[in-house]
Amino acid sequence: MRSRFTAYANGFYQYVFDTYAQSARAKLDLSMLSEGSRDTQWIKLEVQSAWGEGSNGEVEFIAYYKVNKDFYAMHERSRFIAEDGEWRYLNGDMLNKNGKLNIARNQSCLCGSMLKYKRCCGK
């Protein structure tokens, strides 16, 4: 999960594509992946839980991202399967902590700078 987040954050869409399960890959192409992230700046990943048993696994996470000056959260439970000795993303369900975030001026900034939001990304 962390490697997929990092790949999205750095625009490595071929890697993201390669980490999809074969059945999911058949419905995608690189342009679909890159267009959805063109204006998105991925900020932070919080893994809530992860488990795996045999060839199946799940990861619950919250990914924080920024579009223009607004911050958002994506809360998902992702399902993975083992294919050819590698974990591959199969699909996921959106959970309850999705959408635009209202960050108070004196809250710590989500970008990890350790500054208050008003002194960092909230300028």
PDB file of N, CA and C in Angstrom:
ATOM      1  N   MET A   1       0.821  -1.191   0.000  1.00  0.00           N
ATOM      2  CA  MET A   1       0.000   0.000   0.000  1.00  0.00           C
ATOM      3  C   MET A   1       0.864   1.254   0.000  1.00  0.00           C
ATOM      4  N   ARG A   2       1.903   1.244   0.834  1.00  0.00           N
ATOM      5  CA  ARG A   2       2.773   2.419   0.895  1.00  0.00           C
ATOM      6  C   ARG A   2       3.481   2.665  -0.442  1.00  0.00           C
ATOM      7  N   SER A   3       3.883   1.604  -1.102  1.00  0.00           N
ATOM      8  CA  SER A   3       4.573   1.787  -2.385  1.00  0.00           C
ATOM      9  C   SER A   3       3.619   2.348  -3.439  1.00  0.00           C
ATOM     10  N   ARG A   4       2.357   1.936  -3.404  1.00  0.00           N
ATOM     11  CA  ARG A   4       1.369   2.475  -4.351  1.00  0.00           C
ATOM     12  C   ARG A   4       1.124   3.956  -4.083  1.00  0.00           C
ATOM     13  N   PHE A   5       1.011   4.332  -2.801  1.00  0.00           N
ATOM     14  CA  PHE A   5       0.825   5.734  -2.442  1.00  0.00           C
ATOM     15  C   PHE A   5       2.008   6.562  -2.933  1.00  0.00           C
ATOM     16  N   THR A   6       3.211   6.075  -2.678  1.00  0.00           N
ATOM     17  CA  THR A   6       4.420   6.782  -3.107  1.00  0.00           C
ATOM     18  C   THR A   6       4.463   6.922  -4.626  1.00  0.00           C
ATOM     19  N   ALA A   7       4.056   5.879  -5.324  1.00  0.00           N
ATOM     20  CA  ALA A   7       4.034   5.936  -6.791  1.00  0.00           C
ATOM     21  C   ALA A   7       3.032   6.973  -7.281  1.00  0.00           C
ATOM     22  N   TYR A   8       1.841   7.011  -6.679  1.00  0.00           N
ATOM     23  CA  TYR A   8       0.875   8.056  -7.043  1.00  0.00           C
ATOM     24  C   TYR A   8       1.458   9.433  -6.766  1.00  0.00           C
ATOM     25  N   ALA A   9       2.063   9.606  -5.584  1.00  0.00           N
ATOM     26  CA  ALA A   9       2.598  10.912  -5.187  1.00  0.00           C
ATOM     27  C   ALA A   9       3.693  11.395  -6.129  1.00  0.00           C
ATOM     28  N   ASN A  10       4.456  10.464  -6.702  1.00  0.00           N
ATOM     29  CA  ASN A  10       5.566  10.829  -7.582  1.00  0.00           C
ATOM     30  C   ASN A  10       5.256  10.673  -9.064  1.00  0.00           C
ATOM     31  N   GLY A  11       4.027  10.329  -9.389  1.00  0.00           N
ATOM     32  CA  GLY A  11       3.629  10.222 -10.790  1.00  0.00           C
ATOM     33  C   GLY A  11       4.158   8.991 -11.503  1.00  0.00           C
ATOM     34  N   PHE A  12       4.456   7.933 -10.771  1.00  0.00           N
ATOM     35  CA  PHE A  12       4.947   6.692 -11.380  1.00  0.00           C
ATOM     36  C   PHE A  12       3.766   5.778 -11.701  1.00  0.00           C
ATOM     37  N   TYR A  13       2.997   6.167 -12.710  1.00  0.00           N
ATOM     38  CA  TYR A  13       1.737   5.481 -13.014  1.00  0.00           C
ATOM     39  C   TYR A  13       1.947   4.095 -13.608  1.00  0.00           C
ATOM     40  N   GLN A  14       3.077   3.855 -14.227  1.00  0.00           N
ATOM     41  CA  GLN A  14       3.344   2.505 -14.731  1.00  0.00           C
ATOM     42  C   GLN A  14       3.439   1.534 -13.553  1.00  0.00           C
ATOM     43  N   TYR A  15       4.087   1.957 -12.480  1.00  0.00           N
ATOM     44  CA  TYR A  15       4.182   1.108 -11.287  1.00  0.00           C
ATOM     45  C   TYR A  15       2.792   0.856 -10.702  1.00  0.00           C
ATOM     46  N   VAL A  16       1.988   1.918 -10.599  1.00  0.00           N
ATOM     47  CA  VAL A  16       0.625   1.761 -10.073  1.00  0.00           C
ATOM     48  C   VAL A  16      -0.135   0.758 -10.934  1.00  0.00           C
ATOM     49  N   PHE A  17      -0.046   0.910 -12.238  1.00  0.00           N
ATOM     50  CA  PHE A  17      -0.727  -0.004 -13.161  1.00  0.00           C
ATOM     51  C   PHE A  17      -0.247  -1.441 -12.950  1.00  0.00           C
ATOM     52  N   ASP A  18       1.050  -1.610 -12.813  1.00  0.00           N
ATOM     53  CA  ASP A  18       1.627  -2.946 -12.651  1.00  0.00           C
ATOM     54  C   ASP A  18       1.228  -3.609 -11.341  1.00  0.00           C
ATOM     55  N   THR A  19       0.816  -2.824 -10.341  1.00  0.00           N
ATOM     56  CA  THR A  19       0.441  -3.391  -9.050  1.00  0.00           C
ATOM     57  C   THR A  19      -1.049  -3.698  -8.940  1.00  0.00           C
ATOM     58  N   TYR A  20      -1.786  -3.483 -10.005  1.00  0.00           N
ATOM     59  CA  TYR A  20      -3.191  -3.920 -10.049  1.00  0.00           C
ATOM     60  C   TYR A  20      -3.234  -5.415 -10.350  1.00  0.00           C
ATOM     61  N   ALA A  21      -4.244  -6.097  -9.819  1.00  0.00           N
ATOM     62  CA  ALA A  21      -4.471  -7.502 -10.163  1.00  0.00           C
ATOM     63  C   ALA A  21      -4.756  -7.596 -11.654  1.00  0.00           C
ATOM     64  N   GLN A  22      -4.430  -8.724 -12.247  1.00  0.00           N
ATOM     65  CA  GLN A  22      -4.619  -8.893 -13.694  1.00  0.00           C
ATOM     66  C   GLN A  22      -6.062  -8.649 -14.111  1.00  0.00           C
ATOM     67  N   SER A  23      -7.022  -9.104 -13.314  1.00  0.00           N
ATOM     68  CA  SER A  23      -8.433  -8.909 -13.662  1.00  0.00           C
ATOM     69  C   SER A  23      -8.814  -7.428 -13.648  1.00  0.00           C
ATOM     70  N   ALA A  24      -8.238  -6.648 -12.738  1.00  0.00           N
ATOM     71  CA  ALA A  24      -8.519  -5.213 -12.680  1.00  0.00           C
ATOM     72  C   ALA A  24      -7.778  -4.454 -13.768  1.00  0.00           C
ATOM     73  N   ARG A  25      -6.579  -4.915 -14.117  1.00  0.00           N
ATOM     74  CA  ARG A  25      -5.759  -4.262 -15.157  1.00  0.00           C
ATOM     75  C   ARG A  25      -6.450  -4.249 -16.510  1.00  0.00           C
ATOM     76  N   ALA A  26      -7.250  -5.269 -16.766  1.00  0.00           N
ATOM     77  CA  ALA A  26      -7.927  -5.372 -18.062  1.00  0.00           C
ATOM     78  C   ALA A  26      -8.886  -4.209 -18.296  1.00  0.00           C
ATOM     79  N   LYS A  27      -9.328  -3.547 -17.222  1.00  0.00           N
ATOM     80  CA  LYS A  27     -10.297  -2.445 -17.333  1.00  0.00           C
ATOM     81  C   LYS A  27      -9.634  -1.074 -17.253  1.00  0.00           C
ATOM     82  N   LEU A  28      -8.296  -1.024 -17.204  1.00  0.00           N
ATOM     83  CA  LEU A  28      -7.560   0.223 -17.005  1.00  0.00           C
ATOM     84  C   LEU A  28      -6.554   0.482 -18.109  1.00  0.00           C
ATOM     85  N   ASP A  29      -6.096   1.721 -18.174  1.00  0.00           N
ATOM     86  CA  ASP A  29      -4.906   2.041 -18.960  1.00  0.00           C
ATOM     87  C   ASP A  29      -4.184   3.190 -18.256  1.00  0.00           C
ATOM     88  N   LEU A  30      -2.964   3.443 -18.649  1.00  0.00           N
ATOM     89  CA  LEU A  30      -2.153   4.453 -17.965  1.00  0.00           C
ATOM     90  C   LEU A  30      -2.763   5.846 -17.994  1.00  0.00           C
ATOM     91  N   SER A  31      -3.406   6.202 -19.081  1.00  0.00           N
ATOM     92  CA  SER A  31      -3.990   7.541 -19.161  1.00  0.00           C
ATOM     93  C   SER A  31      -5.105   7.716 -18.140  1.00  0.00           C
ATOM     94  N   MET A  32      -5.856   6.660 -17.853  1.00  0.00           N
ATOM     95  CA  MET A  32      -6.914   6.744 -16.838  1.00  0.00           C
ATOM     96  C   MET A  32      -6.309   7.031 -15.462  1.00  0.00           C
ATOM     97  N   LEU A  33      -5.212   6.397 -15.159  1.00  0.00           N
ATOM     98  CA  LEU A  33      -4.573   6.588 -13.863  1.00  0.00           C
ATOM     99  C   LEU A  33      -3.967   7.983 -13.728  1.00  0.00           C
ATOM    100  N   SER A  34      -3.305   8.439 -14.765  1.00  0.00           N
ATOM    101  CA  SER A  34      -2.626   9.731 -14.681  1.00  0.00           C
ATOM    102  C   SER A  34      -3.608  10.899 -14.732  1.00  0.00           C
ATOM    103  N   GLU A  35      -4.668  10.799 -15.520  1.00  0.00           N
ATOM    104  CA  GLU A  35      -5.627  11.903 -15.607  1.00  0.00           C
ATOM    105  C   GLU A  35      -6.325  12.156 -14.292  1.00  0.00           C
ATOM    106  N   GLY A  36      -6.636  11.101 -13.559  1.00  0.00           N
ATOM    107  CA  GLY A  36      -7.314  11.264 -12.284  1.00  0.00           C
ATOM    108  C   GLY A  36      -6.449  11.916 -11.222  1.00  0.00           C
ATOM    109  N   SER A  37      -5.160  11.959 -11.426  1.00  0.00           N
ATOM    110  CA  SER A  37      -4.240  12.507 -10.422  1.00  0.00           C
ATOM    111  C   SER A  37      -3.497  13.747 -10.886  1.00  0.00           C
ATOM    112  N   ARG A  38      -3.849  14.261 -12.038  1.00  0.00           N
ATOM    113  CA  ARG A  38      -3.091  15.372 -12.628  1.00  0.00           C
ATOM    114  C   ARG A  38      -2.972  16.576 -11.690  1.00  0.00           C
ATOM    115  N   ASP A  39      -4.053  17.002 -11.056  1.00  0.00           N
ATOM    116  CA  ASP A  39      -4.037  18.185 -10.199  1.00  0.00           C
ATOM    117  C   ASP A  39      -3.942  17.835  -8.715  1.00  0.00           C
ATOM    118  N   THR A  40      -3.674  16.581  -8.418  1.00  0.00           N
ATOM    119  CA  THR A  40      -3.664  16.115  -7.044  1.00  0.00           C
ATOM    120  C   THR A  40      -2.248  16.066  -6.494  1.00  0.00           C
ATOM    121  N   GLN A  41      -2.074  16.618  -5.291  1.00  0.00           N
ATOM    122  CA  GLN A  41      -0.802  16.529  -4.585  1.00  0.00           C
ATOM    123  C   GLN A  41      -1.042  15.635  -3.372  1.00  0.00           C
ATOM    124  N   TRP A  42      -0.478  14.439  -3.407  1.00  0.00           N
ATOM    125  CA  TRP A  42      -0.645  13.486  -2.310  1.00  0.00           C
ATOM    126  C   TRP A  42       0.243  13.908  -1.159  1.00  0.00           C
ATOM    127  N   ILE A  43      -0.325  14.003   0.041  1.00  0.00           N
ATOM    128  CA  ILE A  43       0.364  14.585   1.184  1.00  0.00           C
ATOM    129  C   ILE A  43       0.815  13.547   2.203  1.00  0.00           C
ATOM    130  N   LYS A  44      -0.094  12.656   2.598  1.00  0.00           N
ATOM    131  CA  LYS A  44       0.187  11.803   3.747  1.00  0.00           C
ATOM    132  C   LYS A  44      -0.660  10.538   3.675  1.00  0.00           C
ATOM    133  N   LEU A  45      -0.089   9.432   4.142  1.00  0.00           N
ATOM    134  CA  LEU A  45      -0.800   8.154   4.203  1.00  0.00           C
ATOM    135  C   LEU A  45      -0.793   7.661   5.644  1.00  0.00           C
ATOM    136  N   GLU A  46      -1.985   7.300   6.138  1.00  0.00           N
ATOM    137  CA  GLU A  46      -2.114   6.689   7.460  1.00  0.00           C
ATOM    138  C   GLU A  46      -2.732   5.313   7.269  1.00  0.00           C
ATOM    139  N   VAL A  47      -1.966   4.276   7.542  1.00  0.00           N
ATOM    140  CA  VAL A  47      -2.495   2.914   7.473  1.00  0.00           C
ATOM    141  C   VAL A  47      -3.182   2.635   8.799  1.00  0.00           C
ATOM    142  N   GLN A  48      -4.479   2.341   8.744  1.00  0.00           N
ATOM    143  CA  GLN A  48      -5.275   2.088   9.935  1.00  0.00           C
ATOM    144  C   GLN A  48      -5.151   0.640  10.400  1.00  0.00           C
ATOM    145  N   SER A  49      -5.183  -0.279   9.440  1.00  0.00           N
ATOM    146  CA  SER A  49      -5.051  -1.702   9.758  1.00  0.00           C
ATOM    147  C   SER A  49      -4.682  -2.455   8.488  1.00  0.00           C
ATOM    148  N   ALA A  50      -4.105  -3.629   8.688  1.00  0.00           N
ATOM    149  CA  ALA A  50      -3.742  -4.488   7.556  1.00  0.00           C
ATOM    150  C   ALA A  50      -3.769  -5.931   8.024  1.00  0.00           C
ATOM    151  N   TRP A  51      -4.237  -6.822   7.171  1.00  0.00           N
ATOM    152  CA  TRP A  51      -4.186  -8.248   7.484  1.00  0.00           C
ATOM    153  C   TRP A  51      -4.105  -9.035   6.189  1.00  0.00           C
ATOM    154  N   GLY A  52      -3.570 -10.189   6.291  1.00  0.00           N
ATOM    155  CA  GLY A  52      -3.474 -11.083   5.150  1.00  0.00           C
ATOM    156  C   GLY A  52      -3.561 -12.517   5.611  1.00  0.00           C
ATOM    157  N   GLU A  53      -4.205 -13.323   4.799  1.00  0.00           N
ATOM    158  CA  GLU A  53      -4.346 -14.741   5.097  1.00  0.00           C
ATOM    159  C   GLU A  53      -4.318 -15.491   3.774  1.00  0.00           C
ATOM    160  N   GLY A  54      -3.330 -16.346   3.629  1.00  0.00           N
ATOM    161  CA  GLY A  54      -3.215 -17.078   2.369  1.00  0.00           C
ATOM    162  C   GLY A  54      -2.918 -16.131   1.231  1.00  0.00           C
ATOM    163  N   SER A  55      -3.767 -16.136   0.226  1.00  0.00           N
ATOM    164  CA  SER A  55      -3.547 -15.277  -0.938  1.00  0.00           C
ATOM    165  C   SER A  55      -4.456 -14.048  -0.931  1.00  0.00           C
ATOM    166  N   ASN A  56      -5.090 -13.735   0.202  1.00  0.00           N
ATOM    167  CA  ASN A  56      -5.975 -12.574   0.305  1.00  0.00           C
ATOM    168  C   ASN A  56      -5.499 -11.650   1.416  1.00  0.00           C
ATOM    169  N   GLY A  57      -5.688 -10.359   1.188  1.00  0.00           N
ATOM    170  CA  GLY A  57      -5.317  -9.383   2.197  1.00  0.00           C
ATOM    171  C   GLY A  57      -6.153  -8.131   2.077  1.00  0.00           C
ATOM    172  N   GLU A  58      -6.191  -7.354   3.153  1.00  0.00           N
ATOM    173  CA  GLU A  58      -6.906  -6.077   3.161  1.00  0.00           C
ATOM    174  C   GLU A  58      -6.065  -5.038   3.874  1.00  0.00           C
ATOM    175  N   VAL A  59      -6.189  -3.802   3.434  1.00  0.00           N
ATOM    176  CA  VAL A  59      -5.538  -2.671   4.088  1.00  0.00           C
ATOM    177  C   VAL A  59      -6.571  -1.560   4.194  1.00  0.00           C
ATOM    178  N   GLU A  60      -6.764  -1.063   5.424  1.00  0.00           N
ATOM    179  CA  GLU A  60      -7.604   0.115   5.613  1.00  0.00           C
ATOM    180  C   GLU A  60      -6.676   1.301   5.802  1.00  0.00           C
ATOM    181  N   PHE A  61      -6.923   2.368   5.063  1.00  0.00           N
ATOM    182  CA  PHE A  61      -6.035   3.528   5.126  1.00  0.00           C
ATOM    183  C   PHE A  61      -6.814   4.810   4.932  1.00  0.00           C
ATOM    184  N   ILE A  62      -6.172   5.911   5.317  1.00  0.00           N
ATOM    185  CA  ILE A  62      -6.652   7.248   4.985  1.00  0.00           C
ATOM    186  C   ILE A  62      -5.510   7.939   4.268  1.00  0.00           C
ATOM    187  N   ALA A  63      -5.752   8.378   3.049  1.00  0.00           N
ATOM    188  CA  ALA A  63      -4.763   9.129   2.270  1.00  0.00           C
ATOM    189  C   ALA A  63      -5.221  10.583   2.219  1.00  0.00           C
ATOM    190  N   TYR A  64      -4.317  11.472   2.554  1.00  0.00           N
ATOM    191  CA  TYR A  64      -4.620  12.898   2.524  1.00  0.00           C
ATOM    192  C   TYR A  64      -3.992  13.496   1.280  1.00  0.00           C
ATOM    193  N   TYR A  65      -4.746  14.378   0.642  1.00  0.00           N
ATOM    194  CA  TYR A  65      -4.247  14.987  -0.580  1.00  0.00           C
ATOM    195  C   TYR A  65      -4.777  16.402  -0.704  1.00  0.00           C
ATOM    196  N   LYS A  66      -4.161  17.126  -1.615  1.00  0.00           N
ATOM    197  CA  LYS A  66      -4.478  18.529  -1.814  1.00  0.00           C
ATOM    198  C   LYS A  66      -4.776  18.756  -3.291  1.00  0.00           C
ATOM    199  N   VAL A  67      -5.828  19.477  -3.564  1.00  0.00           N
ATOM    200  CA  VAL A  67      -6.158  19.934  -4.914  1.00  0.00           C
ATOM    201  C   VAL A  67      -6.318  21.444  -4.806  1.00  0.00           C
ATOM    202  N   ASN A  68      -5.484  22.166  -5.543  1.00  0.00           N
ATOM    203  CA  ASN A  68      -5.388  23.622  -5.412  1.00  0.00           C
ATOM    204  C   ASN A  68      -5.026  23.931  -3.963  1.00  0.00           C
ATOM    205  N   LYS A  69      -5.854  24.670  -3.233  1.00  0.00           N
ATOM    206  CA  LYS A  69      -5.529  24.998  -1.842  1.00  0.00           C
ATOM    207  C   LYS A  69      -6.363  24.208  -0.845  1.00  0.00           C
ATOM    208  N   ASP A  70      -7.157  23.273  -1.316  1.00  0.00           N
ATOM    209  CA  ASP A  70      -8.042  22.514  -0.443  1.00  0.00           C
ATOM    210  C   ASP A  70      -7.485  21.127  -0.148  1.00  0.00           C
ATOM    211  N   PHE A  71      -7.629  20.700   1.110  1.00  0.00           N
ATOM    212  CA  PHE A  71      -7.206  19.373   1.534  1.00  0.00           C
ATOM    213  C   PHE A  71      -8.402  18.426   1.558  1.00  0.00           C
ATOM    214  N   TYR A  72      -8.124  17.171   1.240  1.00  0.00           N
ATOM    215  CA  TYR A  72      -9.152  16.130   1.214  1.00  0.00           C
ATOM    216  C   TYR A  72      -8.609  14.866   1.869  1.00  0.00           C
ATOM    217  N   ALA A  73      -9.537  13.982   2.239  1.00  0.00           N
ATOM    218  CA  ALA A  73      -9.163  12.671   2.767  1.00  0.00           C
ATOM    219  C   ALA A  73      -9.871  11.603   1.949  1.00  0.00           C
ATOM    220  N   MET A  74      -9.170  10.507   1.717  1.00  0.00           N
ATOM    221  CA  MET A  74      -9.748   9.340   1.063  1.00  0.00           C
ATOM    222  C   MET A  74      -9.568   8.161   2.025  1.00  0.00           C
ATOM    223  N   HIS A  75     -10.674   7.660   2.536  1.00  0.00           N
ATOM    224  CA  HIS A  75     -10.670   6.569   3.507  1.00  0.00           C
ATOM    225  C   HIS A  75     -11.172   5.327   2.781  1.00  0.00           C
ATOM    226  N   GLU A  76     -10.331   4.320   2.693  1.00  0.00           N
ATOM    227  CA  GLU A  76     -10.668   3.141   1.888  1.00  0.00           C
ATOM    228  C   GLU A  76     -10.220   1.858   2.581  1.00  0.00           C
ATOM    229  N   ARG A  77     -10.962   0.805   2.319  1.00  0.00           N
ATOM    230  CA  ARG A  77     -10.525  -0.550   2.661  1.00  0.00           C
ATOM    231  C   ARG A  77     -10.221  -1.228   1.329  1.00  0.00           C
ATOM    232  N   SER A  78      -8.943  -1.509   1.095  1.00  0.00           N
ATOM    233  CA  SER A  78      -8.488  -2.093  -0.163  1.00  0.00           C
ATOM    234  C   SER A  78      -8.322  -3.598  -0.016  1.00  0.00           C
ATOM    235  N   ARG A  79      -8.660  -4.312  -1.068  1.00  0.00           N
ATOM    236  CA  ARG A  79      -8.457  -5.753  -1.109  1.00  0.00           C
ATOM    237  C   ARG A  79      -7.312  -6.065  -2.066  1.00  0.00           C
ATOM    238  N   PHE A  80      -6.447  -6.972  -1.627  1.00  0.00           N
ATOM    239  CA  PHE A  80      -5.300  -7.400  -2.405  1.00  0.00           C
ATOM    240  C   PHE A  80      -5.338  -8.918  -2.552  1.00  0.00           C
ATOM    241  N   ILE A  81      -4.767  -9.396  -3.659  1.00  0.00           N
ATOM    242  CA  ILE A  81      -4.596 -10.833  -3.844  1.00  0.00           C
ATOM    243  C   ILE A  81      -3.145 -11.083  -4.238  1.00  0.00           C
ATOM    244  N   ALA A  82      -2.677 -12.275  -3.928  1.00  0.00           N
ATOM    245  CA  ALA A  82      -1.317 -12.649  -4.309  1.00  0.00           C
ATOM    246  C   ALA A  82      -1.356 -13.258  -5.710  1.00  0.00           C
ATOM    247  N   GLU A  83      -0.559 -12.691  -6.601  1.00  0.00           N
ATOM    248  CA  GLU A  83      -0.410 -13.193  -7.972  1.00  0.00           C
ATOM    249  C   GLU A  83       1.075 -13.251  -8.286  1.00  0.00           C
ATOM    250  N   ASP A  84       1.539 -14.377  -8.728  1.00  0.00           N
ATOM    251  CA  ASP A  84       2.946 -14.541  -9.106  1.00  0.00           C
ATOM    252  C   ASP A  84       3.900 -14.098  -7.995  1.00  0.00           C
ATOM    253  N   GLY A  85       3.521 -14.376  -6.750  1.00  0.00           N
ATOM    254  CA  GLY A  85       4.380 -14.042  -5.623  1.00  0.00           C
ATOM    255  C   GLY A  85       4.367 -12.583  -5.217  1.00  0.00           C
ATOM    256  N   GLU A  86       3.472 -11.782  -5.787  1.00  0.00           N
ATOM    257  CA  GLU A  86       3.387 -10.353  -5.479  1.00  0.00           C
ATOM    258  C   GLU A  86       1.961 -10.026  -5.024  1.00  0.00           C
ATOM    259  N   TRP A  87       1.821  -9.067  -4.095  1.00  0.00           N
ATOM    260  CA  TRP A  87       0.514  -8.586  -3.705  1.00  0.00           C
ATOM    261  C   TRP A  87       0.032  -7.591  -4.757  1.00  0.00           C
ATOM    262  N   ARG A  88      -1.182  -7.783  -5.238  1.00  0.00           N
ATOM    263  CA  ARG A  88      -1.769  -6.916  -6.270  1.00  0.00           C
ATOM    264  C   ARG A  88      -3.100  -6.355  -5.781  1.00  0.00           C
ATOM    265  N   TYR A  89      -3.340  -5.089  -6.104  1.00  0.00           N
ATOM    266  CA  TYR A  89      -4.582  -4.412  -5.724  1.00  0.00           C
ATOM    267  C   TYR A  89      -5.728  -4.965  -6.564  1.00  0.00           C
ATOM    268  N   LEU A  90      -6.792  -5.405  -5.895  1.00  0.00           N
ATOM    269  CA  LEU A  90      -7.958  -5.943  -6.581  1.00  0.00           C
ATOM    270  C   LEU A  90      -9.065  -4.903  -6.667  1.00  0.00           C
ATOM    271  N   ASN A  91      -9.504  -4.404  -5.519  1.00  0.00           N
ATOM    272  CA  ASN A  91     -10.549  -3.380  -5.480  1.00  0.00           C
ATOM    273  C   ASN A  91     -10.636  -2.840  -4.063  1.00  0.00           C
ATOM    274  N   GLY A  92     -11.549  -1.902  -3.841  1.00  0.00           N
ATOM    275  CA  GLY A  92     -11.677  -1.320  -2.515  1.00  0.00           C
ATOM    276  C   GLY A  92     -13.038  -0.717  -2.293  1.00  0.00           C
ATOM    277  N   ASP A  93     -13.342  -0.469  -1.035  1.00  0.00           N
ATOM    278  CA  ASP A  93     -14.593   0.181  -0.634  1.00  0.00           C
ATOM    279  C   ASP A  93     -14.259   1.483   0.064  1.00  0.00           C
ATOM    280  N   MET A  94     -14.943   2.556  -0.332  1.00  0.00           N
ATOM    281  CA  MET A  94     -14.780   3.832   0.343  1.00  0.00           C
ATOM    282  C   MET A  94     -15.491   3.756   1.690  1.00  0.00           C
ATOM    283  N   LEU A  95     -14.849   4.317   2.704  1.00  0.00           N
ATOM    284  CA  LEU A  95     -15.406   4.298   4.049  1.00  0.00           C
ATOM    285  C   LEU A  95     -15.854   5.709   4.444  1.00  0.00           C
ATOM    286  N   ASN A  96     -16.049   5.959   5.722  1.00  0.00           N
ATOM    287  CA  ASN A  96     -16.769   7.154   6.154  1.00  0.00           C
ATOM    288  C   ASN A  96     -15.975   8.453   6.247  1.00  0.00           C
ATOM    289  N   LYS A  97     -14.683   8.448   6.178  1.00  0.00           N
ATOM    290  CA  LYS A  97     -13.907   9.684   6.373  1.00  0.00           C
ATOM    291  C   LYS A  97     -13.403  10.240   5.045  1.00  0.00           C
ATOM    292  N   ASN A  98     -14.299  10.423   4.101  1.00  0.00           N
ATOM    293  CA  ASN A  98     -13.933  10.934   2.777  1.00  0.00           C
ATOM    294  C   ASN A  98     -14.376  12.382   2.614  1.00  0.00           C
ATOM    295  N   GLY A  99     -13.682  13.083   1.753  1.00  0.00           N
ATOM    296  CA  GLY A  99     -14.129  14.411   1.367  1.00  0.00           C
ATOM    297  C   GLY A  99     -13.221  15.530   1.819  1.00  0.00           C
ATOM    298  N   LYS A 100     -13.715  16.734   1.595  1.00  0.00           N
ATOM    299  CA  LYS A 100     -12.953  17.946   1.895  1.00  0.00           C
ATOM    300  C   LYS A 100     -12.785  18.096   3.408  1.00  0.00           C
ATOM    301  N   LEU A 101     -11.588  18.522   3.804  1.00  0.00           N
ATOM    302  CA  LEU A 101     -11.282  18.722   5.217  1.00  0.00           C
ATOM    303  C   LEU A 101     -11.345  20.208   5.561  1.00  0.00           C
ATOM    304  N   ASN A 102     -11.859  20.492   6.722  1.00  0.00           N
ATOM    305  CA  ASN A 102     -11.830  21.853   7.245  1.00  0.00           C
ATOM    306  C   ASN A 102     -10.745  21.894   8.304  1.00  0.00           C
ATOM    307  N   ILE A 103      -9.636  22.512   7.976  1.00  0.00           N
ATOM    308  CA  ILE A 103      -8.495  22.560   8.876  1.00  0.00           C
ATOM    309  C   ILE A 103      -8.476  23.912   9.566  1.00  0.00           C
ATOM    310  N   ALA A 104      -8.473  23.886  10.893  1.00  0.00           N
ATOM    311  CA  ALA A 104      -8.411  25.129  11.665  1.00  0.00           C
ATOM    312  C   ALA A 104      -7.028  25.752  11.508  1.00  0.00           C
ATOM    313  N   ARG A 105      -6.992  27.068  11.550  1.00  0.00           N
ATOM    314  CA  ARG A 105      -5.736  27.786  11.327  1.00  0.00           C
ATOM    315  C   ARG A 105      -4.621  27.367  12.282  1.00  0.00           C
ATOM    316  N   ASN A 106      -4.962  27.010  13.514  1.00  0.00           N
ATOM    317  CA  ASN A 106      -3.952  26.669  14.514  1.00  0.00           C
ATOM    318  C   ASN A 106      -3.670  25.176  14.621  1.00  0.00           C
ATOM    319  N   GLN A 107      -4.289  24.369  13.768  1.00  0.00           N
ATOM    320  CA  GLN A 107      -3.984  22.940  13.738  1.00  0.00           C
ATOM    321  C   GLN A 107      -2.623  22.719  13.097  1.00  0.00           C
ATOM    322  N   SER A 108      -1.994  21.593  13.418  1.00  0.00           N
ATOM    323  CA  SER A 108      -0.754  21.221  12.733  1.00  0.00           C
ATOM    324  C   SER A 108      -1.072  20.984  11.264  1.00  0.00           C
ATOM    325  N   CYS A 109      -0.171  21.419  10.404  1.00  0.00           N
ATOM    326  CA  CYS A 109      -0.376  21.249   8.979  1.00  0.00           C
ATOM    327  C   CYS A 109      -0.252  19.770   8.606  1.00  0.00           C
ATOM    328  N   LEU A 110      -1.089  19.319   7.700  1.00  0.00           N
ATOM    329  CA  LEU A 110      -1.088  17.922   7.264  1.00  0.00           C
ATOM    330  C   LEU A 110       0.163  17.528   6.490  1.00  0.00           C
ATOM    331  N   CYS A 111       0.879  18.493   5.974  1.00  0.00           N
ATOM    332  CA  CYS A 111       2.029  18.172   5.132  1.00  0.00           C
ATOM    333  C   CYS A 111       3.202  17.605   5.931  1.00  0.00           C
ATOM    334  N   GLY A 112       3.128  17.669   7.263  1.00  0.00           N
ATOM    335  CA  GLY A 112       4.195  17.107   8.077  1.00  0.00           C
ATOM    336  C   GLY A 112       5.299  18.092   8.433  1.00  0.00           C
ATOM    337  N   SER A 113       5.101  19.351   8.146  1.00  0.00           N
ATOM    338  CA  SER A 113       6.136  20.361   8.402  1.00  0.00           C
ATOM    339  C   SER A 113       6.313  20.674   9.887  1.00  0.00           C
ATOM    340  N   MET A 114       5.373  20.268  10.730  1.00  0.00           N
ATOM    341  CA  MET A 114       5.354  20.566  12.162  1.00  0.00           C
ATOM    342  C   MET A 114       4.995  22.029  12.436  1.00  0.00           C
ATOM    343  N   LEU A 115       4.593  22.753  11.390  1.00  0.00           N
ATOM    344  CA  LEU A 115       4.124  24.141  11.564  1.00  0.00           C
ATOM    345  C   LEU A 115       2.608  24.130  11.683  1.00  0.00           C
ATOM    346  N   LYS A 116       2.097  25.237  12.202  1.00  0.00           N
ATOM    347  CA  LYS A 116       0.650  25.396  12.197  1.00  0.00           C
ATOM    348  C   LYS A 116       0.194  25.618  10.762  1.00  0.00           C
ATOM    349  N   TYR A 117      -1.028  25.194  10.487  1.00  0.00           N
ATOM    350  CA  TYR A 117      -1.583  25.299   9.130  1.00  0.00           C
ATOM    351  C   TYR A 117      -1.496  26.735   8.604  1.00  0.00           C
ATOM    352  N   LYS A 118      -1.804  27.724   9.464  1.00  0.00           N
ATOM    353  CA  LYS A 118      -1.799  29.128   9.012  1.00  0.00           C
ATOM    354  C   LYS A 118      -0.412  29.598   8.584  1.00  0.00           C
ATOM    355  N   ARG A 119       0.648  28.968   9.100  1.00  0.00           N
ATOM    356  CA  ARG A 119       2.010  29.356   8.780  1.00  0.00           C
ATOM    357  C   ARG A 119       2.626  28.498   7.681  1.00  0.00           C
ATOM    358  N   CYS A 120       1.857  27.564   7.171  1.00  0.00           N
ATOM    359  CA  CYS A 120       2.389  26.616   6.180  1.00  0.00           C
ATOM    360  C   CYS A 120       1.497  26.628   4.931  1.00  0.00           C
ATOM    361  N   CYS A 121       0.785  25.555   4.731  1.00  0.00           N
ATOM    362  CA  CYS A 121      -0.039  25.425   3.519  1.00  0.00           C
ATOM    363  C   CYS A 121      -1.280  26.313   3.525  1.00  0.00           C
ATOM    364  N   GLY A 122      -1.629  26.863   4.680  1.00  0.00           N
ATOM    365  CA  GLY A 122      -2.790  27.724   4.773  1.00  0.00           C
ATOM    366  C   GLY A 122      -2.521  29.190   4.478  1.00  0.00           C
ATOM    367  N   LYS A 123      -1.302  29.508   4.035  1.00  0.00           N
ATOM    368  CA  LYS A 123      -0.953  30.915   3.725  1.00  0.00           C
ATOM    369  C   LYS A 123      -1.765  31.410   2.555  1.00  0.00           C
TER     370      LYS A 123
END
